[in-house]
């Protein structure tokens, strides 16, 4: 990031192309008949995001490892229900719709030819890449994701917000601290504690039995953070019901390891990349070839026009 006034946009790329895949009909196909709905949908998303929010810098953050072993070692159930096939070496294969998997290499090739920075780091999820870029940013940051886990990065003082797609990317929920406090009663870091206590079946996180979202929010309001809540378990004068005290006490092994799993990493070894939003394609001849082969048509042309403005 080259100046404090530059606005950085970080895309949770898989989250967006999954949404594009399910939001654009699979009748959108390449000349050879392969569906390219996720490819074209993602290009449309990026076009709209650039038009509406005018970032100076843009990074498409990728899942080099969607289920890192260091998280699984701590909580074995982490994303276990999404494993399609276990791998002897490297990441397990994630369960992905049959007609989406072949589109991912096309997405990657198009982003590279456009010159949009694409960053995935072995052993880490896109969330961790986003967390590390956010931590290093010197200006405002817009994180575009359909994953609420990234609410933990929201920070009004540093102008870090999450743009959460409600319908396509034309209608976005602008998540700042005021919204988080109104909806959940917590700030950004507090959201990670709330998610940990509540659990998340979609990620295979068990949470603390009997502690739902509202109870977690009340406990955080009363005791400040997770450490404060666990200190209260040992304080007989603390305002905990007997059942809450018992369940939290029994969940100590989970509570001890869950923060490392739930909180995004901020120390990913990022490659040295040019994150500036490209005005012209990095590889125009390659891009032309991809456009013809995959029938990218108006979706690509509109994005190119937007980038040139």
C-alpha atoms as a PDB file:
ATOM      1  CA  UNK A   1       0.000   0.000   0.000  1.00  0.00           C
ATOM      2  CA  UNK A   2       1.655   3.175  -1.202  1.00  0.00           C
ATOM      3  CA  UNK A   3      -0.141   5.915   0.660  1.00  0.00           C
ATOM      4  CA  UNK A   4      -2.496   6.545   3.516  1.00  0.00           C
ATOM      5  CA  UNK A   5      -5.179   7.862   1.168  1.00  0.00           C
ATOM      6  CA  UNK A   6      -5.378   4.730  -0.996  1.00  0.00           C
ATOM      7  CA  UNK A   7      -8.472   2.583  -0.556  1.00  0.00           C
ATOM      8  CA  UNK A   8      -7.856  -1.176  -0.560  1.00  0.00           C
ATOM      9  CA  UNK A   9     -10.542  -3.669  -1.544  1.00  0.00           C
ATOM     10  CA  UNK A  10     -10.067  -7.318  -0.554  1.00  0.00           C
ATOM     11  CA  UNK A  11     -12.214  -9.949  -2.244  1.00  0.00           C
ATOM     12  CA  UNK A  12     -13.062 -13.224  -0.539  1.00  0.00           C
ATOM     13  CA  UNK A  13     -12.931 -14.712  -4.015  1.00  0.00           C
ATOM     14  CA  UNK A  14     -14.364 -18.187  -3.371  1.00  0.00           C
ATOM     15  CA  UNK A  15     -17.259 -16.699  -1.407  1.00  0.00           C
ATOM     16  CA  UNK A  16     -18.057 -14.454  -4.387  1.00  0.00           C
ATOM     17  CA  UNK A  17     -17.721 -17.040  -7.138  1.00  0.00           C
ATOM     18  CA  UNK A  18     -19.912 -19.462  -5.156  1.00  0.00           C
ATOM     19  CA  UNK A  19     -22.552 -16.725  -5.018  1.00  0.00           C
ATOM     20  CA  UNK A  20     -22.098 -16.034  -8.715  1.00  0.00           C
ATOM     21  CA  UNK A  21     -22.449 -19.740  -9.495  1.00  0.00           C
ATOM     22  CA  UNK A  22     -25.760 -20.006  -7.674  1.00  0.00           C
ATOM     23  CA  UNK A  23     -26.983 -16.583  -8.791  1.00  0.00           C
ATOM     24  CA  UNK A  24     -26.333 -16.855 -12.545  1.00  0.00           C
ATOM     25  CA  UNK A  25     -28.114 -19.614 -14.550  1.00  0.00           C
ATOM     26  CA  UNK A  26     -25.909 -22.509 -15.676  1.00  0.00           C
ATOM     27  CA  UNK A  27     -27.357 -21.967 -19.157  1.00  0.00           C
ATOM     28  CA  UNK A  28     -24.599 -19.330 -19.475  1.00  0.00           C
ATOM     29  CA  UNK A  29     -22.045 -21.443 -21.326  1.00  0.00           C
ATOM     30  CA  UNK A  30     -18.818 -21.278 -23.288  1.00  0.00           C
ATOM     31  CA  UNK A  31     -18.809 -22.156 -26.995  1.00  0.00           C
ATOM     32  CA  UNK A  32     -17.825 -25.732 -26.083  1.00  0.00           C
ATOM     33  CA  UNK A  33     -20.884 -26.057 -23.836  1.00  0.00           C
ATOM     34  CA  UNK A  34     -19.136 -25.783 -20.459  1.00  0.00           C
ATOM     35  CA  UNK A  35     -21.028 -23.586 -17.979  1.00  0.00           C
ATOM     36  CA  UNK A  36     -19.207 -20.314 -17.251  1.00  0.00           C
ATOM     37  CA  UNK A  37     -21.838 -18.784 -14.979  1.00  0.00           C
ATOM     38  CA  UNK A  38     -19.405 -18.437 -12.058  1.00  0.00           C
ATOM     39  CA  UNK A  39     -16.734 -16.869 -14.291  1.00  0.00           C
ATOM     40  CA  UNK A  40     -19.033 -14.318 -15.874  1.00  0.00           C
ATOM     41  CA  UNK A  41     -20.874 -13.686 -12.619  1.00  0.00           C
ATOM     42  CA  UNK A  42     -17.631 -12.912 -10.789  1.00  0.00           C
ATOM     43  CA  UNK A  43     -16.543 -10.513 -13.548  1.00  0.00           C
ATOM     44  CA  UNK A  44     -19.907  -8.755 -13.233  1.00  0.00           C
ATOM     45  CA  UNK A  45     -19.424  -8.580  -9.456  1.00  0.00           C
ATOM     46  CA  UNK A  46     -15.957  -7.026  -9.766  1.00  0.00           C
ATOM     47  CA  UNK A  47     -17.238  -4.555 -12.361  1.00  0.00           C
ATOM     48  CA  UNK A  48     -20.028  -3.392 -10.050  1.00  0.00           C
ATOM     49  CA  UNK A  49     -17.763  -3.220  -6.996  1.00  0.00           C
ATOM     50  CA  UNK A  50     -15.183  -1.094  -8.804  1.00  0.00           C
ATOM     51  CA  UNK A  51     -17.880   1.204 -10.215  1.00  0.00           C
ATOM     52  CA  UNK A  52     -19.641   1.684  -6.890  1.00  0.00           C
ATOM     53  CA  UNK A  53     -16.697   1.835  -4.473  1.00  0.00           C
ATOM     54  CA  UNK A  54     -13.711   3.020  -6.534  1.00  0.00           C
ATOM     55  CA  UNK A  55     -10.850   1.187  -4.819  1.00  0.00           C
ATOM     56  CA  UNK A  56      -7.302   2.232  -5.632  1.00  0.00           C
ATOM     57  CA  UNK A  57      -5.945  -1.230  -4.835  1.00  0.00           C
ATOM     58  CA  UNK A  58      -7.669  -4.599  -5.250  1.00  0.00           C
ATOM     59  CA  UNK A  59      -6.675  -8.122  -4.224  1.00  0.00           C
ATOM     60  CA  UNK A  60      -8.528 -11.327  -5.083  1.00  0.00           C
ATOM     61  CA  UNK A  61      -7.758 -13.421  -1.987  1.00  0.00           C
ATOM     62  CA  UNK A  62      -7.797 -17.189  -2.515  1.00  0.00           C
ATOM     63  CA  UNK A  63      -8.082 -20.360  -0.433  1.00  0.00           C
ATOM     64  CA  UNK A  64      -4.738 -22.092  -1.007  1.00  0.00           C
ATOM     65  CA  UNK A  65      -5.900 -24.420   1.768  1.00  0.00           C
ATOM     66  CA  UNK A  66      -9.604 -24.258   2.622  1.00  0.00           C
ATOM     67  CA  UNK A  67      -9.156 -26.491   5.736  1.00  0.00           C
ATOM     68  CA  UNK A  68      -5.662 -25.927   7.168  1.00  0.00           C
ATOM     69  CA  UNK A  69      -4.259 -28.832   9.131  1.00  0.00           C
ATOM     70  CA  UNK A  70      -3.226 -26.573  12.015  1.00  0.00           C
ATOM     71  CA  UNK A  71      -6.897 -25.720  12.555  1.00  0.00           C
ATOM     72  CA  UNK A  72      -8.014 -29.355  12.193  1.00  0.00           C
ATOM     73  CA  UNK A  73      -5.385 -30.452  14.734  1.00  0.00           C
ATOM     74  CA  UNK A  74      -7.036 -28.188  17.300  1.00  0.00           C
ATOM     75  CA  UNK A  75     -10.679 -28.897  16.399  1.00  0.00           C
ATOM     76  CA  UNK A  76     -11.007 -32.090  14.282  1.00  0.00           C
ATOM     77  CA  UNK A  77     -14.610 -31.306  13.335  1.00  0.00           C
ATOM     78  CA  UNK A  78     -13.516 -28.076  11.606  1.00  0.00           C
ATOM     79  CA  UNK A  79     -15.224 -28.106   8.177  1.00  0.00           C
ATOM     80  CA  UNK A  80     -15.163 -31.923   8.290  1.00  0.00           C
ATOM     81  CA  UNK A  81     -18.636 -32.210   6.745  1.00  0.00           C
ATOM     82  CA  UNK A  82     -17.387 -30.465   3.585  1.00  0.00           C
ATOM     83  CA  UNK A  83     -14.608 -32.960   2.818  1.00  0.00           C
ATOM     84  CA  UNK A  84     -15.263 -34.739  -0.482  1.00  0.00           C
ATOM     85  CA  UNK A  85     -12.033 -36.769  -0.422  1.00  0.00           C
ATOM     86  CA  UNK A  86      -9.106 -36.947   1.972  1.00  0.00           C
ATOM     87  CA  UNK A  87      -5.651 -36.320   0.539  1.00  0.00           C
ATOM     88  CA  UNK A  88      -2.505 -38.135   1.686  1.00  0.00           C
ATOM     89  CA  UNK A  89      -0.508 -34.958   1.099  1.00  0.00           C
ATOM     90  CA  UNK A  90      -1.762 -31.401   0.748  1.00  0.00           C
ATOM     91  CA  UNK A  91      -5.275 -30.067   1.369  1.00  0.00           C
ATOM     92  CA  UNK A  92      -8.298 -32.372   1.419  1.00  0.00           C
ATOM     93  CA  UNK A  93     -10.643 -32.026  -1.532  1.00  0.00           C
ATOM     94  CA  UNK A  94     -13.619 -29.785  -0.774  1.00  0.00           C
ATOM     95  CA  UNK A  95     -17.119 -30.746  -1.819  1.00  0.00           C
ATOM     96  CA  UNK A  96     -17.860 -28.403  -4.731  1.00  0.00           C
ATOM     97  CA  UNK A  97     -20.626 -28.611  -7.378  1.00  0.00           C
ATOM     98  CA  UNK A  98     -19.457 -30.609 -10.406  1.00  0.00           C
ATOM     99  CA  UNK A  99     -19.909 -27.734 -12.849  1.00  0.00           C
ATOM    100  CA  UNK A 100     -18.158 -25.183 -10.618  1.00  0.00           C
ATOM    101  CA  UNK A 101     -14.795 -26.944 -10.164  1.00  0.00           C
ATOM    102  CA  UNK A 102     -13.761 -26.628 -13.859  1.00  0.00           C
ATOM    103  CA  UNK A 103     -14.532 -22.898 -13.761  1.00  0.00           C
ATOM    104  CA  UNK A 104     -12.061 -22.082 -10.985  1.00  0.00           C
ATOM    105  CA  UNK A 105      -8.911 -22.391 -13.173  1.00  0.00           C
ATOM    106  CA  UNK A 106     -10.630 -20.187 -15.770  1.00  0.00           C
ATOM    107  CA  UNK A 107     -11.351 -17.550 -13.106  1.00  0.00           C
ATOM    108  CA  UNK A 108      -7.715 -17.646 -12.001  1.00  0.00           C
ATOM    109  CA  UNK A 109      -6.420 -17.338 -15.577  1.00  0.00           C
ATOM    110  CA  UNK A 110      -8.712 -14.390 -16.356  1.00  0.00           C
ATOM    111  CA  UNK A 111      -7.762 -12.518 -13.177  1.00  0.00           C
ATOM    112  CA  UNK A 112      -4.073 -13.058 -13.960  1.00  0.00           C
ATOM    113  CA  UNK A 113      -4.445 -11.844 -17.546  1.00  0.00           C
ATOM    114  CA  UNK A 114      -6.343  -8.781 -16.333  1.00  0.00           C
ATOM    115  CA  UNK A 115      -3.553  -7.999 -13.892  1.00  0.00           C
ATOM    116  CA  UNK A 116      -5.743  -8.163 -10.796  1.00  0.00           C
ATOM    117  CA  UNK A 117      -3.571  -9.275  -7.881  1.00  0.00           C
ATOM    118  CA  UNK A 118      -4.493 -12.834  -6.863  1.00  0.00           C
ATOM    119  CA  UNK A 119      -3.036 -14.084  -3.585  1.00  0.00           C
ATOM    120  CA  UNK A 120      -3.301 -17.462  -1.916  1.00  0.00           C
ATOM    121  CA  UNK A 121      -0.693 -18.786   0.502  1.00  0.00           C
ATOM    122  CA  UNK A 122      -0.053 -22.472   1.212  1.00  0.00           C
ATOM    123  CA  UNK A 123      -1.444 -23.564   4.572  1.00  0.00           C
ATOM    124  CA  UNK A 124      -3.875 -20.662   4.874  1.00  0.00           C
ATOM    125  CA  UNK A 125      -7.441 -19.765   3.997  1.00  0.00           C
ATOM    126  CA  UNK A 126      -8.459 -16.623   2.104  1.00  0.00           C
ATOM    127  CA  UNK A 127      -9.716 -15.231   5.444  1.00  0.00           C
ATOM    128  CA  UNK A 128      -6.147 -15.342   6.775  1.00  0.00           C
ATOM    129  CA  UNK A 129      -4.789 -13.594   3.677  1.00  0.00           C
ATOM    130  CA  UNK A 130      -7.478 -10.932   4.120  1.00  0.00           C
ATOM    131  CA  UNK A 131      -6.636 -10.580   7.812  1.00  0.00           C
ATOM    132  CA  UNK A 132      -2.946 -10.073   7.078  1.00  0.00           C
ATOM    133  CA  UNK A 133      -3.510  -7.532   4.288  1.00  0.00           C
ATOM    134  CA  UNK A 134      -5.932  -5.701   6.583  1.00  0.00           C
ATOM    135  CA  UNK A 135      -3.427  -5.605   9.427  1.00  0.00           C
ATOM    136  CA  UNK A 136      -0.766  -4.126   7.152  1.00  0.00           C
ATOM    137  CA  UNK A 137      -3.017  -1.583   5.432  1.00  0.00           C
ATOM    138  CA  UNK A 138      -2.299   2.104   5.983  1.00  0.00           C
ATOM    139  CA  UNK A 139      -5.565   3.377   4.501  1.00  0.00           C
ATOM    140  CA  UNK A 140      -9.254   2.430   4.383  1.00  0.00           C
ATOM    141  CA  UNK A 141     -10.128  -1.219   3.667  1.00  0.00           C
ATOM    142  CA  UNK A 142     -13.297  -2.680   2.163  1.00  0.00           C
ATOM    143  CA  UNK A 143     -13.596  -6.458   2.649  1.00  0.00           C
ATOM    144  CA  UNK A 144     -16.117  -8.038   0.278  1.00  0.00           C
ATOM    145  CA  UNK A 145     -17.344 -11.384   1.572  1.00  0.00           C
ATOM    146  CA  UNK A 146     -20.414 -13.488   2.173  1.00  0.00           C
ATOM    147  CA  UNK A 147     -18.689 -14.948   5.255  1.00  0.00           C
ATOM    148  CA  UNK A 148     -19.684 -13.320   8.542  1.00  0.00           C
ATOM    149  CA  UNK A 149     -16.502 -14.636  10.198  1.00  0.00           C
ATOM    150  CA  UNK A 150     -14.713 -11.607   8.769  1.00  0.00           C
ATOM    151  CA  UNK A 151     -16.863  -9.238  10.836  1.00  0.00           C
ATOM    152  CA  UNK A 152     -14.122  -9.683  13.439  1.00  0.00           C
ATOM    153  CA  UNK A 153     -11.888  -7.364  11.369  1.00  0.00           C
ATOM    154  CA  UNK A 154     -14.280  -4.391  11.441  1.00  0.00           C
ATOM    155  CA  UNK A 155     -12.583  -1.342  12.955  1.00  0.00           C
ATOM    156  CA  UNK A 156     -14.069   2.149  12.588  1.00  0.00           C
ATOM    157  CA  UNK A 157     -10.905   3.940  13.721  1.00  0.00           C
ATOM    158  CA  UNK A 158      -8.940   2.325  10.915  1.00  0.00           C
ATOM    159  CA  UNK A 159     -11.849   2.612   8.424  1.00  0.00           C
ATOM    160  CA  UNK A 160     -12.092  -1.151   7.990  1.00  0.00           C
ATOM    161  CA  UNK A 161     -15.547  -2.378   7.045  1.00  0.00           C
ATOM    162  CA  UNK A 162     -17.136  -5.468   5.547  1.00  0.00           C
ATOM    163  CA  UNK A 163     -19.320  -5.253   2.450  1.00  0.00           C
ATOM    164  CA  UNK A 164     -21.663  -8.231   2.754  1.00  0.00           C
ATOM    165  CA  UNK A 165     -23.646  -9.115  -0.403  1.00  0.00           C
ATOM    166  CA  UNK A 166     -27.385  -9.345   0.160  1.00  0.00           C
ATOM    167  CA  UNK A 167     -28.426  -9.500  -3.491  1.00  0.00           C
ATOM    168  CA  UNK A 168     -25.617  -9.868  -5.999  1.00  0.00           C
ATOM    169  CA  UNK A 169     -23.220  -7.062  -5.149  1.00  0.00           C
ATOM    170  CA  UNK A 170     -25.622  -4.306  -6.094  1.00  0.00           C
ATOM    171  CA  UNK A 171     -27.172  -4.496  -2.651  1.00  0.00           C
ATOM    172  CA  UNK A 172     -24.528  -4.704   0.056  1.00  0.00           C
ATOM    173  CA  UNK A 173     -24.819  -4.586   3.809  1.00  0.00           C
ATOM    174  CA  UNK A 174     -22.190  -2.089   4.935  1.00  0.00           C
ATOM    175  CA  UNK A 175     -20.953  -3.615   8.174  1.00  0.00           C
ATOM    176  CA  UNK A 176     -19.312  -1.163  10.548  1.00  0.00           C
ATOM    177  CA  UNK A 177     -19.098  -1.069  14.352  1.00  0.00           C
ATOM    178  CA  UNK A 178     -22.475   0.667  14.720  1.00  0.00           C
ATOM    179  CA  UNK A 179     -24.164  -2.088  12.712  1.00  0.00           C
ATOM    180  CA  UNK A 180     -22.383  -4.830  14.664  1.00  0.00           C
ATOM    181  CA  UNK A 181     -23.400  -3.319  17.999  1.00  0.00           C
ATOM    182  CA  UNK A 182     -27.004  -2.939  16.897  1.00  0.00           C
ATOM    183  CA  UNK A 183     -27.228  -6.470  15.493  1.00  0.00           C
ATOM    184  CA  UNK A 184     -24.996  -8.450  17.872  1.00  0.00           C
ATOM    185  CA  UNK A 185     -24.096  -6.111  20.717  1.00  0.00           C
ATOM    186  CA  UNK A 186     -20.352  -6.467  20.062  1.00  0.00           C
ATOM    187  CA  UNK A 187     -17.509  -4.775  18.186  1.00  0.00           C
ATOM    188  CA  UNK A 188     -15.241  -6.465  15.638  1.00  0.00           C
ATOM    189  CA  UNK A 189     -12.992  -8.432  18.021  1.00  0.00           C
ATOM    190  CA  UNK A 190     -16.060  -9.206  20.139  1.00  0.00           C
ATOM    191  CA  UNK A 191     -17.653 -10.905  17.139  1.00  0.00           C
ATOM    192  CA  UNK A 192     -14.903 -13.561  17.135  1.00  0.00           C
ATOM    193  CA  UNK A 193     -15.625 -14.312  20.822  1.00  0.00           C
ATOM    194  CA  UNK A 194     -19.358 -14.414  20.140  1.00  0.00           C
ATOM    195  CA  UNK A 195     -18.912 -16.802  17.196  1.00  0.00           C
ATOM    196  CA  UNK A 196     -16.652 -19.036  19.274  1.00  0.00           C
ATOM    197  CA  UNK A 197     -19.171 -19.288  22.127  1.00  0.00           C
ATOM    198  CA  UNK A 198     -22.197 -19.683  19.883  1.00  0.00           C
ATOM    199  CA  UNK A 199     -20.561 -22.159  17.547  1.00  0.00           C
ATOM    200  CA  UNK A 200     -21.060 -22.430  13.806  1.00  0.00           C
ATOM    201  CA  UNK A 201     -22.412 -25.664  12.271  1.00  0.00           C
ATOM    202  CA  UNK A 202     -21.406 -24.498   8.773  1.00  0.00           C
ATOM    203  CA  UNK A 203     -17.758 -24.544   9.899  1.00  0.00           C
ATOM    204  CA  UNK A 204     -18.045 -27.549  12.221  1.00  0.00           C
ATOM    205  CA  UNK A 205     -17.462 -25.440  15.338  1.00  0.00           C
ATOM    206  CA  UNK A 206     -19.346 -26.956  18.289  1.00  0.00           C
ATOM    207  CA  UNK A 207     -19.492 -23.863  20.488  1.00  0.00           C
ATOM    208  CA  UNK A 208     -20.357 -24.049  24.173  1.00  0.00           C
ATOM    209  CA  UNK A 209     -23.502 -26.187  24.717  1.00  0.00           C
ATOM    210  CA  UNK A 210     -26.444 -24.100  25.849  1.00  0.00           C
ATOM    211  CA  UNK A 211     -24.766 -20.784  24.958  1.00  0.00           C
ATOM    212  CA  UNK A 212     -26.617 -19.347  21.980  1.00  0.00           C
ATOM    213  CA  UNK A 213     -26.082 -16.030  20.260  1.00  0.00           C
ATOM    214  CA  UNK A 214     -28.153 -13.912  22.669  1.00  0.00           C
ATOM    215  CA  UNK A 215     -26.624 -15.482  25.768  1.00  0.00           C
ATOM    216  CA  UNK A 216     -23.120 -15.088  24.338  1.00  0.00           C
ATOM    217  CA  UNK A 217     -23.807 -11.389  23.656  1.00  0.00           C
ATOM    218  CA  UNK A 218     -25.100 -10.887  27.227  1.00  0.00           C
ATOM    219  CA  UNK A 219     -22.053 -12.601  28.721  1.00  0.00           C
ATOM    220  CA  UNK A 220     -19.709 -10.474  26.619  1.00  0.00           C
ATOM    221  CA  UNK A 221     -21.561  -7.315  27.645  1.00  0.00           C
ATOM    222  CA  UNK A 222     -21.261  -8.364  31.298  1.00  0.00           C
ATOM    223  CA  UNK A 223     -17.654  -9.606  31.354  1.00  0.00           C
ATOM    224  CA  UNK A 224     -16.005  -7.813  28.408  1.00  0.00           C
ATOM    225  CA  UNK A 225     -14.405 -10.632  26.462  1.00  0.00           C
ATOM    226  CA  UNK A 226     -13.802 -14.372  26.461  1.00  0.00           C
ATOM    227  CA  UNK A 227     -11.028 -14.129  29.053  1.00  0.00           C
ATOM    228  CA  UNK A 228     -13.351 -12.149  31.319  1.00  0.00           C
ATOM    229  CA  UNK A 229     -16.100 -14.748  30.959  1.00  0.00           C
ATOM    230  CA  UNK A 230     -13.758 -17.621  31.815  1.00  0.00           C
ATOM    231  CA  UNK A 231     -12.402 -15.689  34.804  1.00  0.00           C
ATOM    232  CA  UNK A 232     -16.003 -15.304  35.989  1.00  0.00           C
ATOM    233  CA  UNK A 233     -16.396 -19.092  35.973  1.00  0.00           C
ATOM    234  CA  UNK A 234     -13.819 -19.215  38.780  1.00  0.00           C
ATOM    235  CA  UNK A 235     -15.402 -16.315  40.658  1.00  0.00           C
ATOM    236  CA  UNK A 236     -18.286 -17.509  42.841  1.00  0.00           C
ATOM    237  CA  UNK A 237     -19.567 -13.913  43.078  1.00  0.00           C
ATOM    238  CA  UNK A 238     -19.826 -13.490  39.292  1.00  0.00           C
ATOM    239  CA  UNK A 239     -23.310 -13.244  37.795  1.00  0.00           C
ATOM    240  CA  UNK A 240     -23.489 -16.612  36.067  1.00  0.00           C
ATOM    241  CA  UNK A 241     -26.334 -19.090  36.346  1.00  0.00           C
ATOM    242  CA  UNK A 242     -25.336 -22.519  37.687  1.00  0.00           C
ATOM    243  CA  UNK A 243     -25.927 -24.093  34.277  1.00  0.00           C
ATOM    244  CA  UNK A 244     -23.821 -21.448  32.486  1.00  0.00           C
ATOM    245  CA  UNK A 245     -20.991 -21.886  34.966  1.00  0.00           C
ATOM    246  CA  UNK A 246     -21.134 -25.680  34.574  1.00  0.00           C
ATOM    247  CA  UNK A 247     -21.225 -25.622  30.762  1.00  0.00           C
ATOM    248  CA  UNK A 248     -18.427 -23.097  30.467  1.00  0.00           C
ATOM    249  CA  UNK A 249     -16.320 -25.038  32.953  1.00  0.00           C
ATOM    250  CA  UNK A 250     -16.858 -28.277  31.032  1.00  0.00           C
ATOM    251  CA  UNK A 251     -15.970 -26.521  27.773  1.00  0.00           C
ATOM    252  CA  UNK A 252     -12.524 -25.355  28.913  1.00  0.00           C
ATOM    253  CA  UNK A 253     -10.654 -27.691  26.501  1.00  0.00           C
ATOM    254  CA  UNK A 254     -12.644 -26.259  23.559  1.00  0.00           C
ATOM    255  CA  UNK A 255     -12.346 -22.652  24.778  1.00  0.00           C
ATOM    256  CA  UNK A 256      -8.571 -23.054  25.144  1.00  0.00           C
ATOM    257  CA  UNK A 257      -8.022 -23.895  21.470  1.00  0.00           C
ATOM    258  CA  UNK A 258     -10.981 -22.312  19.684  1.00  0.00           C
ATOM    259  CA  UNK A 259      -9.605 -18.732  19.524  1.00  0.00           C
ATOM    260  CA  UNK A 260      -6.720 -19.914  17.341  1.00  0.00           C
ATOM    261  CA  UNK A 261      -9.194 -21.620  15.011  1.00  0.00           C
ATOM    262  CA  UNK A 262     -11.829 -18.877  14.899  1.00  0.00           C
ATOM    263  CA  UNK A 263      -9.617 -15.804  14.694  1.00  0.00           C
ATOM    264  CA  UNK A 264      -8.121 -15.054  11.297  1.00  0.00           C
ATOM    265  CA  UNK A 265      -4.349 -15.170  11.107  1.00  0.00           C
ATOM    266  CA  UNK A 266      -2.530 -11.868  10.834  1.00  0.00           C
ATOM    267  CA  UNK A 267       0.936 -13.203  10.103  1.00  0.00           C
ATOM    268  CA  UNK A 268       0.577 -14.895   6.706  1.00  0.00           C
ATOM    269  CA  UNK A 269       3.810 -14.626   4.658  1.00  0.00           C
ATOM    270  CA  UNK A 270       2.332 -12.587   1.814  1.00  0.00           C
ATOM    271  CA  UNK A 271       4.139 -12.495  -1.541  1.00  0.00           C
ATOM    272  CA  UNK A 272       5.350  -9.196  -2.938  1.00  0.00           C
ATOM    273  CA  UNK A 273       2.582  -8.281  -5.388  1.00  0.00           C
ATOM    274  CA  UNK A 274       1.417  -5.138  -7.151  1.00  0.00           C
ATOM    275  CA  UNK A 275      -2.032  -4.564  -5.681  1.00  0.00           C
ATOM    276  CA  UNK A 276      -2.861  -1.449  -7.720  1.00  0.00           C
ATOM    277  CA  UNK A 277      -6.119  -1.758  -9.640  1.00  0.00           C
ATOM    278  CA  UNK A 278      -5.064  -2.294 -13.269  1.00  0.00           C
ATOM    279  CA  UNK A 279      -6.196   0.217 -15.884  1.00  0.00           C
ATOM    280  CA  UNK A 280      -5.251  -1.990 -18.838  1.00  0.00           C
ATOM    281  CA  UNK A 281      -4.813  -5.788 -19.011  1.00  0.00           C
ATOM    282  CA  UNK A 282      -1.454  -7.248 -18.039  1.00  0.00           C
ATOM    283  CA  UNK A 283      -1.630  -9.801 -20.859  1.00  0.00           C
ATOM    284  CA  UNK A 284      -4.043  -8.513 -23.536  1.00  0.00           C
ATOM    285  CA  UNK A 285      -3.352 -11.282 -26.070  1.00  0.00           C
ATOM    286  CA  UNK A 286      -3.928 -13.986 -23.429  1.00  0.00           C
ATOM    287  CA  UNK A 287      -7.079 -12.222 -22.271  1.00  0.00           C
ATOM    288  CA  UNK A 288      -8.423 -12.049 -25.837  1.00  0.00           C
ATOM    289  CA  UNK A 289      -7.804 -15.766 -26.234  1.00  0.00           C
ATOM    290  CA  UNK A 290      -9.582 -16.542 -22.945  1.00  0.00           C
ATOM    291  CA  UNK A 291     -12.505 -14.284 -23.901  1.00  0.00           C
ATOM    292  CA  UNK A 292     -13.026 -16.149 -27.167  1.00  0.00           C
ATOM    293  CA  UNK A 293     -12.472 -19.641 -25.778  1.00  0.00           C
ATOM    294  CA  UNK A 294     -14.821 -19.193 -22.834  1.00  0.00           C
ATOM    295  CA  UNK A 295     -17.332 -16.805 -24.396  1.00  0.00           C
ATOM    296  CA  UNK A 296     -16.856 -14.094 -21.782  1.00  0.00           C
ATOM    297  CA  UNK A 297     -18.401 -11.418 -24.002  1.00  0.00           C
ATOM    298  CA  UNK A 298     -20.101  -8.452 -22.401  1.00  0.00           C
ATOM    299  CA  UNK A 299     -19.114  -9.383 -18.844  1.00  0.00           C
ATOM    300  CA  UNK A 300     -15.426  -8.923 -19.624  1.00  0.00           C
ATOM    301  CA  UNK A 301     -15.891  -5.920 -21.911  1.00  0.00           C
ATOM    302  CA  UNK A 302     -17.848  -4.041 -19.257  1.00  0.00           C
ATOM    303  CA  UNK A 303     -15.164  -4.689 -16.648  1.00  0.00           C
ATOM    304  CA  UNK A 304     -12.404  -3.564 -19.030  1.00  0.00           C
ATOM    305  CA  UNK A 305     -14.308  -0.344 -19.727  1.00  0.00           C
ATOM    306  CA  UNK A 306     -14.770   0.287 -16.001  1.00  0.00           C
ATOM    307  CA  UNK A 307     -11.077  -0.296 -15.272  1.00  0.00           C
ATOM    308  CA  UNK A 308     -10.059   2.207 -17.961  1.00  0.00           C
ATOM    309  CA  UNK A 309     -12.139   5.031 -16.455  1.00  0.00           C
END
